[in-house]
Amino acid sequence: MTKIDWMSEVEKRRESLIQDTQGLLHIKSILDEANALPEAPLGKGVKEALDYMLQLGEKDGFIAKNVGNVSGHLEFGEGKELLGILCHVDVVPEGDGWTSDPFGAEIRDGKIYARGALDDKGPTMAAYYAMKIVKDMGLPLEKRVRMIIGTDEESDWRCVEHYFNHEEMPTLGFAPDADFPIINAEKGISNFDIVQNAGTPDVLYNAINVLSFASGKRYNMVPDYAKAVLTVKADKNEITKQFTSFMNHHDLDHHFTSENEQLILEVKGISAHGSLPEHGKNAGLYLADFLSKLRLDSKAAQYFQLISRFLFDDSRGVNLGIAYRDDVSGDLTINPGKFLYSQESGGSVGITCRYSVTNKMEDTKKKLESILAKEGFGIENFSDSKPHHVDEKEFLIQTLKRVYEEQTGEKAELIAIGGGTYARSLKSGVAFGPLFPGRPDIAHQKDEYMYIEDLLRATAIYAQAIYELTQNK
């Protein structure tokens, strides 16, 4: 068979690929259970994005199936075995500070800007067009190919849970939802809330009472905004002077407003993916650390001092006594992604812990419970997704390594990540792209983008990978 010029095939479809990508990016597909409907249980936006992909696939001749209005698939080919390509069309909230409309999909300087451009709508469309190229060329395949589309990847993965309760498990597969070359190890992901015990005494001093404090919306995002409302009977000018000095020292945008005895403090940080907390500036942590140094009512003092002592400036769990590292996947990390405090209810901190492949979360949880109990806190809403690791010798990895090296001329190193992709849903599944080495990871950040060049290159790589993986070993 003549050697296929995959990039040439992609270039033939360049304009339609970009247009379809923009169409998907225009959809504000954020989880919205508050406005759920029977036909859209996770919200209208994510259902609209799912429908967009299923309708596109049906138009192009794929077998399309909606699975419970939370997931679906597009399939072609014949064979007993099944190659799965696991994608998602939900996105995290857009956040503030964008240069252009976060759902405008504006193209400038060779990049397409939108929430989801990199995570994961751009890569989803690249994988879709890769499937389309292989199908349109009529290439001989020995496995079926199925794109599985989820709508709850950024939250609780209910989409894939529902999907695999009702549908076939692929023999092997990949998720275009992380980095090139190949991610064969994903850390465990544990989400939980650190909650202040209800019996905490509430002694109100005459100086400063914290009425409310809030920051962050998701476990897996570094919060970029925090707000505290205080009543102050002391010298407000002294507090605002300390606040300004503290935030200037940490190079953070901040603002305060004062009316009668009430003082409102606001901080802007830098968002990042919760698996890489050191890439952001956690507005909640900085404001909490500042508040911990004031003469607060006892309930607030207990809450903010816990954050300051155990969470501030420590993304590796050292102060909590849970630090861990292995050679396969590196350090355990923690990201406090959701802060909530009120004078009536006390406080909580929502944490995502990304733990190393060889770490035992059961032991880590016991250590956490022990140290938190001594401080007057407990753990609630605990969830755990175990680590995922695929051996380098497997057909899947050996094939993807060869494809990547042929397409790029660069060595296909195996890497580990703290983020979780749908690849962990499969016994033999890895994350494969789309972020090329040397490119900044701006997923979950303002002005998220994907290079058009990278969108095209990824499509070519995925097309060859699909073809090669559907040949027998």
Foldseek 3Di string as FASTA:
>chain_A
DDDDPLLVLLVVCLVVLLVLLLVLLLQQQAFDCVPADQLANRDDRQLVSQVSVQVVLVVLPWDWDDQRSFKIKTKDDDADAEEEEEAESHFHDQDDDFPDAQSNLDDDPQWGWHACQQAPSLVVSLLVVLVSSCVVVVDHFHHMYMYMYGRAQQADPVRVVSVVVPDDAGPAYEYAGDAPDWAQKEFKKKKWKKFFAPPFDWAFDQAKEWAKKKFFDGQFKQTFKIKTKMFGPDDVVVLVVLVVVLCVVVVWDWDWDDDHRIIMIMTGKFMDTNQCNVVIGRRRLSVLLSVCPDDYTRLSVLVSVCSNQQPRPDQQRVSLPQWDADPAAGIKGKHFRIWIAGSNRGIMTMMMIGHDQPDDVVVSQVSNQVVSVVSRIHIPPIDMDHMGGDDCPDPLNVLSQVLVCVLPVDGGDYHYTSDDDCQRVHNHYIYRDQHYPPDDDQNPGHRDIDRSVSSSSSSSSSSSSVRSVSDDD
